[in-house]
N, C-alpha and C. Protein backbone atom coordinates (compact mmCIF):
# COMPACT_ATOMS: atom_id res chain seq x y z
N MET A 1 -10.98 9.21 25.27
CA MET A 1 -10.68 8.72 26.89
C MET A 1 -12.20 8.54 27.60
N GLU A 2 -13.26 9.06 27.38
CA GLU A 2 -14.50 8.72 27.94
C GLU A 2 -14.63 7.33 27.69
N MET A 3 -14.59 6.96 26.38
CA MET A 3 -14.72 5.39 26.36
C MET A 3 -13.81 4.54 27.12
N ILE A 4 -12.64 4.84 27.26
CA ILE A 4 -11.80 4.15 27.86
C ILE A 4 -12.20 4.24 29.51
N GLU A 5 -12.66 5.15 29.91
CA GLU A 5 -13.10 5.47 31.43
C GLU A 5 -14.38 4.46 31.57
N LYS A 6 -15.13 4.58 30.54
CA LYS A 6 -16.36 3.66 30.82
C LYS A 6 -16.04 2.16 30.56
N GLN A 7 -15.21 1.86 29.56
CA GLN A 7 -15.22 0.58 28.91
C GLN A 7 -13.80 -0.09 29.39
N GLY A 8 -12.78 0.56 29.71
CA GLY A 8 -11.43 -0.14 29.78
C GLY A 8 -10.69 0.11 28.59
N ILE A 9 -9.49 -0.10 28.35
CA ILE A 9 -8.56 -0.03 27.26
C ILE A 9 -8.72 -0.94 26.43
N THR A 10 -8.67 -2.33 27.04
CA THR A 10 -9.10 -3.39 26.08
C THR A 10 -10.13 -3.44 25.35
N LYS A 11 -11.42 -3.26 26.01
CA LYS A 11 -12.88 -3.04 25.39
C LYS A 11 -12.93 -2.11 24.18
N THR A 12 -12.08 -0.81 24.45
CA THR A 12 -12.34 0.33 23.62
C THR A 12 -11.61 0.01 22.33
N LEU A 13 -10.19 -0.67 22.32
CA LEU A 13 -9.50 -0.83 21.36
C LEU A 13 -9.88 -2.22 20.21
N LYS A 14 -10.90 -3.03 21.18
CA LYS A 14 -11.36 -4.14 20.29
C LYS A 14 -12.65 -3.55 19.62
N SER A 15 -13.45 -2.76 20.30
CA SER A 15 -14.64 -2.15 19.64
C SER A 15 -14.02 -1.21 18.44
N LEU A 16 -12.84 -0.75 18.51
CA LEU A 16 -12.42 0.12 17.34
C LEU A 16 -11.55 -0.58 16.26
N GLY A 17 -11.60 -1.95 16.44
CA GLY A 17 -10.91 -2.95 15.82
C GLY A 17 -9.69 -2.71 15.40
N LEU A 18 -8.80 -2.13 16.46
CA LEU A 18 -7.34 -2.03 16.79
C LEU A 18 -6.75 -3.16 17.28
N TYR A 19 -7.49 -4.09 18.31
CA TYR A 19 -6.84 -5.03 18.96
C TYR A 19 -7.72 -6.31 18.95
N LYS A 20 -7.47 -7.43 18.94
CA LYS A 20 -8.28 -8.64 18.92
C LYS A 20 -7.55 -9.88 19.55
N THR A 21 -8.31 -10.71 20.11
CA THR A 21 -7.58 -11.83 20.81
C THR A 21 -8.15 -12.93 20.09
N LEU A 22 -7.18 -14.02 19.69
CA LEU A 22 -7.75 -15.46 18.80
C LEU A 22 -7.38 -16.62 19.59
N GLY A 23 -8.07 -17.38 19.51
CA GLY A 23 -7.87 -18.87 20.13
C GLY A 23 -8.10 -18.69 21.49
N ALA A 24 -7.75 -19.97 22.23
CA ALA A 24 -8.22 -20.12 23.69
C ALA A 24 -6.92 -20.86 24.24
N ARG A 25 -6.67 -20.68 25.51
CA ARG A 25 -5.73 -21.48 26.41
C ARG A 25 -4.38 -21.23 25.84
N GLU A 26 -3.70 -22.42 25.43
CA GLU A 26 -2.36 -22.57 25.11
C GLU A 26 -2.07 -21.99 23.61
N LYS A 27 -3.27 -21.90 22.77
CA LYS A 27 -3.41 -21.47 21.50
C LYS A 27 -3.71 -19.90 21.40
N LYS A 28 -3.84 -19.16 22.55
CA LYS A 28 -4.41 -17.85 22.45
C LYS A 28 -2.93 -16.94 21.83
N SER A 29 -3.57 -15.98 21.35
CA SER A 29 -2.79 -14.99 20.72
C SER A 29 -3.36 -13.77 20.52
N ALA A 30 -2.57 -12.60 20.55
CA ALA A 30 -3.37 -11.37 20.33
C ALA A 30 -2.72 -10.60 19.26
N TRP A 31 -3.61 -9.82 18.50
CA TRP A 31 -3.45 -8.99 17.14
C TRP A 31 -3.66 -7.50 17.59
N CYS A 32 -2.68 -6.60 17.18
CA CYS A 32 -2.93 -5.27 17.37
C CYS A 32 -2.72 -4.63 16.06
N HIS A 33 -3.14 -3.56 15.69
CA HIS A 33 -3.03 -2.69 14.68
C HIS A 33 -1.67 -2.42 14.42
N PRO A 34 -0.83 -2.61 13.41
CA PRO A 34 0.44 -2.19 13.23
C PRO A 34 0.76 -0.71 13.61
N ILE A 35 -0.14 0.27 13.45
CA ILE A 35 0.47 1.78 13.80
C ILE A 35 -0.05 1.77 15.34
N LEU A 36 -0.71 1.23 16.03
CA LEU A 36 -0.91 1.02 17.45
C LEU A 36 0.35 0.47 17.86
N PHE A 37 0.72 -0.87 17.27
CA PHE A 37 1.83 -1.57 17.83
C PHE A 37 3.24 -0.40 17.93
N VAL A 38 3.34 0.09 16.73
CA VAL A 38 4.53 1.07 16.49
C VAL A 38 4.23 2.21 17.52
N LEU A 39 3.24 2.77 17.98
CA LEU A 39 3.02 3.76 19.02
C LEU A 39 3.11 3.37 20.19
N ILE A 40 2.77 2.07 20.36
CA ILE A 40 3.10 1.30 21.83
C ILE A 40 4.58 1.22 21.96
N SER A 41 5.21 0.65 21.09
CA SER A 41 6.62 0.22 20.80
C SER A 41 7.63 1.73 21.11
N LEU A 42 7.16 2.63 20.66
CA LEU A 42 7.60 4.09 20.90
C LEU A 42 7.67 4.30 22.30
N GLU A 43 6.55 4.25 22.91
CA GLU A 43 6.18 4.51 24.38
C GLU A 43 7.12 3.83 25.30
N MET A 44 7.24 2.48 25.05
CA MET A 44 7.97 1.48 25.87
C MET A 44 9.31 1.59 25.69
N ASN A 45 10.02 2.02 24.64
CA ASN A 45 11.39 1.74 24.50
C ASN A 45 12.05 3.09 23.74
N PRO A 46 12.68 3.85 24.61
CA PRO A 46 13.38 5.15 24.27
C PRO A 46 14.46 4.96 23.20
N LYS A 47 15.13 3.67 23.03
CA LYS A 47 15.68 3.42 21.82
C LYS A 47 15.03 3.46 20.54
N ILE A 48 14.02 2.76 20.51
CA ILE A 48 13.03 2.79 19.51
C ILE A 48 12.63 3.95 19.03
N TYR A 49 12.05 4.79 20.06
CA TYR A 49 11.56 6.07 19.80
C TYR A 49 12.80 7.12 19.20
N GLY A 50 14.16 6.93 19.70
CA GLY A 50 15.11 7.70 19.07
C GLY A 50 15.53 7.29 17.69
N LYS A 51 15.60 5.82 17.52
CA LYS A 51 16.04 5.57 16.03
C LYS A 51 14.95 5.79 15.07
N THR A 52 13.65 5.89 15.56
CA THR A 52 12.47 6.10 14.53
C THR A 52 12.65 7.91 14.19
N ILE A 53 12.87 8.66 15.38
CA ILE A 53 13.01 9.99 15.06
C ILE A 53 14.25 10.38 14.08
N TYR A 54 15.50 9.63 14.43
CA TYR A 54 16.67 9.79 13.69
C TYR A 54 16.22 9.41 12.08
N TRP A 55 15.51 8.44 11.96
CA TRP A 55 15.34 7.99 10.80
C TRP A 55 14.46 8.95 9.73
N ILE A 56 13.52 9.34 10.33
CA ILE A 56 12.58 10.35 9.67
C ILE A 56 13.40 11.43 9.57
N ALA A 57 14.18 11.98 10.64
CA ALA A 57 14.81 13.37 10.48
C ALA A 57 16.04 13.37 9.44
N ASP A 58 16.41 11.98 9.31
CA ASP A 58 17.49 11.72 8.08
C ASP A 58 17.03 11.97 6.72
N LYS A 59 15.75 12.42 6.54
CA LYS A 59 15.30 12.56 5.21
C LYS A 59 15.09 11.52 4.47
N LEU A 60 14.89 10.18 5.03
CA LEU A 60 14.86 9.17 4.43
C LEU A 60 13.54 8.90 3.37
N ILE A 61 12.65 9.71 3.91
CA ILE A 61 11.34 9.65 3.17
C ILE A 61 11.59 10.16 1.88
N ILE A 62 12.15 11.61 2.02
CA ILE A 62 12.48 12.06 0.65
C ILE A 62 13.26 11.42 -0.19
N ASN A 63 14.31 10.99 0.46
CA ASN A 63 15.44 10.09 -0.47
C ASN A 63 15.00 9.03 -1.17
N ARG A 64 14.08 8.38 -0.32
CA ARG A 64 13.61 6.92 -0.79
C ARG A 64 12.54 7.22 -2.11
N ILE A 65 12.02 8.15 -2.10
CA ILE A 65 10.95 8.82 -3.06
C ILE A 65 11.77 8.97 -4.29
N GLU A 66 12.75 9.90 -4.34
CA GLU A 66 13.52 10.22 -5.25
C GLU A 66 14.31 9.12 -5.88
N ALA A 67 14.87 8.07 -5.02
CA ALA A 67 15.49 6.83 -5.60
C ALA A 67 14.59 5.93 -6.40
N GLY A 68 13.44 6.02 -5.70
CA GLY A 68 12.40 5.26 -6.45
C GLY A 68 11.91 5.80 -7.72
N ASN A 69 11.54 6.98 -7.62
CA ASN A 69 11.00 7.83 -8.98
C ASN A 69 12.41 7.62 -10.12
N LEU A 70 13.60 7.98 -9.67
CA LEU A 70 14.66 7.67 -10.63
C LEU A 70 14.87 6.17 -10.89
N TYR A 71 14.59 5.14 -10.34
CA TYR A 71 14.60 3.86 -10.85
C TYR A 71 13.42 3.58 -11.89
N LYS A 72 12.19 4.30 -11.64
CA LYS A 72 11.24 4.42 -12.81
C LYS A 72 11.62 4.94 -13.79
N SER A 73 12.36 6.13 -13.84
CA SER A 73 12.91 6.82 -14.92
C SER A 73 14.08 5.89 -15.85
N LEU A 74 14.78 5.18 -14.86
CA LEU A 74 15.70 4.21 -15.64
C LEU A 74 15.10 3.21 -16.35
N THR A 75 14.16 2.75 -15.57
CA THR A 75 13.53 1.52 -16.32
C THR A 75 12.63 1.98 -17.54
N GLY A 76 12.16 3.04 -17.43
CA GLY A 76 11.54 3.73 -18.56
C GLY A 76 12.41 3.85 -19.63
N SER A 77 13.50 4.23 -19.50
CA SER A 77 14.55 4.51 -20.49
C SER A 77 14.83 3.28 -21.06
N ILE A 78 15.00 2.12 -20.36
CA ILE A 78 15.39 0.96 -21.09
C ILE A 78 14.31 0.00 -21.81
N LYS A 79 12.90 0.73 -21.61
CA LYS A 79 11.87 -0.12 -22.28
C LYS A 79 11.96 -0.13 -23.77
N LYS A 80 12.59 1.02 -24.31
CA LYS A 80 13.10 1.05 -25.66
C LYS A 80 13.51 -0.40 -26.24
N TRP A 81 14.32 -0.93 -25.32
CA TRP A 81 14.89 -2.21 -25.78
C TRP A 81 14.14 -3.46 -25.66
N ASN A 82 12.94 -3.52 -25.30
CA ASN A 82 12.15 -4.52 -25.21
C ASN A 82 12.52 -5.83 -24.52
N LEU A 83 12.88 -5.52 -23.21
CA LEU A 83 13.51 -6.39 -22.39
C LEU A 83 12.42 -7.07 -21.67
N ASN A 84 12.89 -8.60 -21.11
CA ASN A 84 11.78 -9.29 -20.37
C ASN A 84 12.12 -8.76 -18.81
N GLY A 85 11.28 -9.40 -18.09
CA GLY A 85 11.32 -9.08 -16.62
C GLY A 85 12.59 -9.46 -15.94
N GLU A 86 13.22 -10.49 -16.58
CA GLU A 86 14.54 -11.06 -15.94
C GLU A 86 15.55 -10.04 -15.81
N ASN A 87 15.55 -9.31 -17.24
CA ASN A 87 16.72 -8.08 -17.21
C ASN A 87 16.40 -7.07 -16.20
N TYR A 88 15.31 -6.46 -15.88
CA TYR A 88 15.11 -5.68 -14.88
C TYR A 88 15.49 -6.17 -13.50
N VAL A 89 15.20 -7.38 -13.21
CA VAL A 89 15.67 -7.91 -12.00
C VAL A 89 17.43 -7.91 -11.58
N LYS A 90 18.03 -8.30 -13.11
CA LYS A 90 19.31 -8.06 -13.01
C LYS A 90 19.69 -6.87 -12.83
N LEU A 91 19.24 -5.89 -13.37
CA LEU A 91 19.51 -4.41 -13.22
C LEU A 91 19.31 -4.07 -11.94
N ALA A 92 18.28 -4.45 -11.26
CA ALA A 92 18.02 -4.01 -9.98
C ALA A 92 19.13 -4.52 -9.19
N LYS A 93 19.36 -5.82 -9.30
CA LYS A 93 20.57 -6.57 -8.22
C LYS A 93 21.93 -5.82 -8.53
N ALA A 94 22.17 -5.53 -9.82
CA ALA A 94 23.67 -4.96 -10.23
C ALA A 94 23.63 -3.44 -9.43
N LEU A 95 22.50 -2.89 -9.33
CA LEU A 95 22.74 -1.38 -8.57
C LEU A 95 23.03 -1.79 -7.30
N ASN A 96 22.18 -2.64 -6.62
CA ASN A 96 22.29 -3.04 -5.14
C ASN A 96 23.58 -3.78 -4.96
N TYR A 97 24.26 -4.24 -5.77
CA TYR A 97 25.68 -4.62 -5.48
C TYR A 97 26.70 -3.38 -5.61
N ILE A 98 26.30 -2.54 -6.56
CA ILE A 98 27.33 -1.26 -6.58
C ILE A 98 27.15 -0.33 -5.42
N ILE A 99 25.74 -0.22 -4.80
CA ILE A 99 25.50 0.65 -3.77
C ILE A 99 25.86 0.14 -2.37
N PHE A 100 25.37 -1.23 -2.23
CA PHE A 100 25.46 -1.48 -0.90
C PHE A 100 26.29 -2.85 -0.71
N ASN A 101 27.03 -3.29 -2.03
CA ASN A 101 27.84 -4.34 -2.09
C ASN A 101 27.53 -5.65 -1.94
N ARG A 102 26.19 -5.65 -1.85
CA ARG A 102 25.32 -7.07 -1.60
C ARG A 102 23.78 -6.67 -2.16
N HIS A 103 23.34 -7.97 -2.32
CA HIS A 103 21.93 -7.98 -2.92
C HIS A 103 20.73 -8.84 -1.76
N ILE A 104 20.23 -8.02 -1.02
CA ILE A 104 18.99 -8.99 -0.34
C ILE A 104 17.98 -8.34 -0.61
N VAL A 105 16.77 -9.00 -0.43
CA VAL A 105 15.40 -8.37 -0.84
C VAL A 105 15.23 -7.30 0.29
N GLY A 106 14.65 -6.21 0.14
CA GLY A 106 14.31 -5.21 0.89
C GLY A 106 15.54 -4.37 1.01
N ILE A 107 16.73 -4.38 0.75
CA ILE A 107 17.96 -3.67 1.18
C ILE A 107 17.86 -2.18 1.29
N ARG A 108 17.14 -1.71 0.16
CA ARG A 108 17.03 -0.31 0.20
C ARG A 108 16.15 0.34 1.19
N ASN A 109 15.42 -0.59 2.08
CA ASN A 109 14.62 0.03 3.07
C ASN A 109 15.40 0.09 4.33
N LEU A 110 16.68 -0.29 4.24
CA LEU A 110 17.74 -0.26 5.23
C LEU A 110 18.82 0.73 4.91
N ALA A 111 18.78 1.36 3.78
CA ALA A 111 19.84 2.34 3.50
C ALA A 111 19.59 3.58 4.13
N ASN A 112 20.85 4.18 4.32
CA ASN A 112 21.08 5.56 4.95
C ASN A 112 20.79 6.58 3.68
N ALA A 113 21.02 7.78 4.23
CA ALA A 113 20.73 8.89 3.37
C ALA A 113 21.52 9.07 2.32
N LYS A 114 23.07 8.59 2.87
CA LYS A 114 24.27 9.02 1.87
C LYS A 114 23.98 7.66 0.68
N GLU A 115 23.78 6.52 1.01
CA GLU A 115 23.33 5.36 0.04
C GLU A 115 22.14 5.69 -0.95
N LEU A 116 21.19 6.23 -0.45
CA LEU A 116 20.16 6.86 -1.07
C LEU A 116 20.63 7.54 -1.97
N LYS A 117 21.21 8.81 -1.98
CA LYS A 117 21.96 9.83 -2.81
C LYS A 117 22.52 9.25 -3.81
N GLU A 118 23.39 8.35 -3.38
CA GLU A 118 24.33 7.66 -4.15
C GLU A 118 23.64 6.92 -5.41
N LEU A 119 22.57 6.24 -4.90
CA LEU A 119 21.91 5.40 -5.77
C LEU A 119 20.93 6.36 -6.77
N GLU A 120 20.48 7.40 -6.24
CA GLU A 120 19.79 8.33 -6.85
C GLU A 120 20.68 9.10 -8.15
N LEU A 121 21.89 9.32 -7.76
CA LEU A 121 22.75 9.75 -8.69
C LEU A 121 23.13 8.79 -9.96
N LEU A 122 23.44 7.54 -9.41
CA LEU A 122 23.90 6.56 -10.43
C LEU A 122 22.81 6.43 -11.44
N GLU A 123 21.42 6.21 -10.92
CA GLU A 123 20.26 5.93 -11.66
C GLU A 123 19.92 7.02 -12.63
N SER A 124 19.92 8.53 -12.03
CA SER A 124 20.08 9.45 -13.03
C SER A 124 20.91 9.58 -14.18
N GLN A 125 22.19 9.10 -13.87
CA GLN A 125 23.32 9.24 -14.73
C GLN A 125 23.31 8.22 -15.88
N LEU A 126 22.75 7.04 -15.31
CA LEU A 126 22.54 5.81 -16.27
C LEU A 126 21.37 6.13 -17.22
N SER A 127 20.13 6.86 -16.52
CA SER A 127 18.99 7.22 -17.46
C SER A 127 19.50 8.15 -18.40
N PHE A 128 20.39 9.21 -18.05
CA PHE A 128 20.50 10.18 -19.05
C PHE A 128 21.44 9.43 -20.20
N SER A 129 22.52 8.73 -19.85
CA SER A 129 23.40 8.10 -20.75
C SER A 129 22.58 7.25 -21.69
N ILE A 130 21.54 6.51 -21.19
CA ILE A 130 20.65 5.53 -22.10
C ILE A 130 19.78 6.72 -23.07
N GLU A 131 19.35 7.65 -22.55
CA GLU A 131 18.45 8.61 -23.25
C GLU A 131 19.54 9.34 -24.30
N MET A 132 20.67 9.74 -24.17
CA MET A 132 21.42 10.08 -25.01
C MET A 132 22.30 9.21 -25.88
N ASP A 133 21.91 8.02 -25.82
CA ASP A 133 22.30 6.94 -26.89
C ASP A 133 23.99 6.52 -26.41
N LEU A 134 24.37 7.08 -25.47
CA LEU A 134 25.74 6.73 -25.05
C LEU A 134 25.74 5.17 -24.48
N ILE A 135 24.76 4.75 -24.17
CA ILE A 135 24.58 3.16 -23.89
C ILE A 135 23.51 2.77 -24.73
N LYS A 136 23.86 1.72 -25.65
CA LYS A 136 22.89 1.42 -26.62
C LYS A 136 21.93 0.49 -26.38
N ASN A 137 22.47 -0.63 -25.65
CA ASN A 137 21.61 -1.76 -25.41
C ASN A 137 21.99 -2.35 -23.95
N PHE A 138 21.30 -3.43 -23.53
CA PHE A 138 21.29 -3.92 -22.22
C PHE A 138 22.57 -4.40 -21.62
N ASN A 139 23.34 -5.33 -22.67
CA ASN A 139 24.75 -5.69 -22.34
C ASN A 139 25.52 -4.69 -22.34
N GLN A 140 25.50 -3.57 -22.98
CA GLN A 140 26.21 -2.41 -22.76
C GLN A 140 26.03 -1.59 -21.39
N LEU A 141 24.88 -1.82 -20.99
CA LEU A 141 24.56 -1.22 -19.74
C LEU A 141 25.00 -2.03 -18.44
N ILE A 142 25.01 -3.43 -18.48
CA ILE A 142 25.57 -4.29 -17.73
C ILE A 142 27.08 -4.30 -17.65
N ASP A 143 27.50 -4.02 -18.70
CA ASP A 143 28.94 -3.84 -18.70
C ASP A 143 29.48 -2.54 -18.03
N THR A 144 28.72 -1.55 -18.28
CA THR A 144 28.78 -0.14 -17.89
C THR A 144 28.92 -0.34 -15.98
N LEU A 145 27.91 -1.21 -15.92
CA LEU A 145 27.54 -1.33 -14.15
C LEU A 145 29.00 -2.19 -13.68
N ARG A 146 29.32 -3.22 -14.46
CA ARG A 146 30.28 -3.93 -13.91
C ARG A 146 31.76 -3.26 -13.66
N LYS A 147 31.77 -2.31 -14.72
CA LYS A 147 33.00 -1.36 -14.55
C LYS A 147 32.90 -0.56 -13.42
N ILE A 148 31.69 0.13 -13.27
CA ILE A 148 31.40 1.03 -12.08
C ILE A 148 31.69 0.16 -10.96
N TYR A 149 31.24 -1.13 -10.67
CA TYR A 149 31.49 -2.10 -9.54
C TYR A 149 32.93 -2.38 -9.21
N SER A 150 33.60 -2.81 -10.27
CA SER A 150 35.20 -2.89 -10.06
C SER A 150 35.88 -1.95 -9.75
N ASN A 151 35.57 -0.62 -10.37
CA ASN A 151 36.13 0.56 -9.85
C ASN A 151 35.90 1.04 -8.22
N LYS A 152 34.93 0.79 -7.87
CA LYS A 152 34.40 0.99 -6.25
C LYS A 152 34.97 -0.29 -5.57
N ASN A 153 35.37 -1.45 -6.09
CA ASN A 153 35.95 -2.42 -5.32
C ASN A 153 37.09 -3.19 -6.10
N PRO A 154 38.42 -2.48 -5.64
CA PRO A 154 39.58 -2.72 -6.08
C PRO A 154 39.98 -4.23 -6.11
N SER A 155 39.59 -4.74 -5.19
CA SER A 155 39.80 -6.31 -4.88
C SER A 155 39.33 -7.02 -6.19
N ILE A 156 37.97 -6.48 -6.42
CA ILE A 156 37.49 -7.41 -7.53
C ILE A 156 38.13 -7.03 -8.82
N LYS A 157 38.62 -6.03 -9.02
CA LYS A 157 39.44 -5.69 -10.41
C LYS A 157 40.63 -6.64 -10.33
N GLN A 158 41.29 -6.87 -9.14
CA GLN A 158 42.50 -7.74 -9.22
C GLN A 158 42.06 -9.24 -9.68
N LEU A 159 40.82 -9.61 -9.27
CA LEU A 159 40.33 -11.00 -9.61
C LEU A 159 39.95 -11.10 -11.03
N ASN A 160 39.47 -10.08 -11.37
CA ASN A 160 38.99 -10.13 -13.02
C ASN A 160 40.45 -10.04 -13.94
N SER A 161 41.36 -9.58 -13.45
CA SER A 161 42.64 -9.57 -14.41
C SER A 161 43.33 -10.87 -14.36
């Protein structure tokens, strides 16, 4: 606070490396540290503040960690099949289609607690099935995922018949 009183907010933030301006005249732009930007956004917009608190309170942090750890466990289980990277992408996309009914990059970052719990459960059950040799190869895994998807989406089931 003493620095702000002596130098002002802009010079203080610049001296701390939290804010800088680039260019001149019509090409001038400003950069601010992402954490500082979030803090300012929270102060300026009560809706953003409310959504942020709700998101954190929704235990998404814990659920995201669990879903991520179980995906690692699942991919660890299929390593014994000596697959290429393309198969891991196919697996991730299939999981996204089952849980979110679509695949877009970063979709899991938008998931709610219920979706993440469902993903966590699916990944753990698949991993267990692979470890117990109930699912014996990648093609069988993909077939299992297709059945799960068609059972969740009856309209897809009708198209496949």
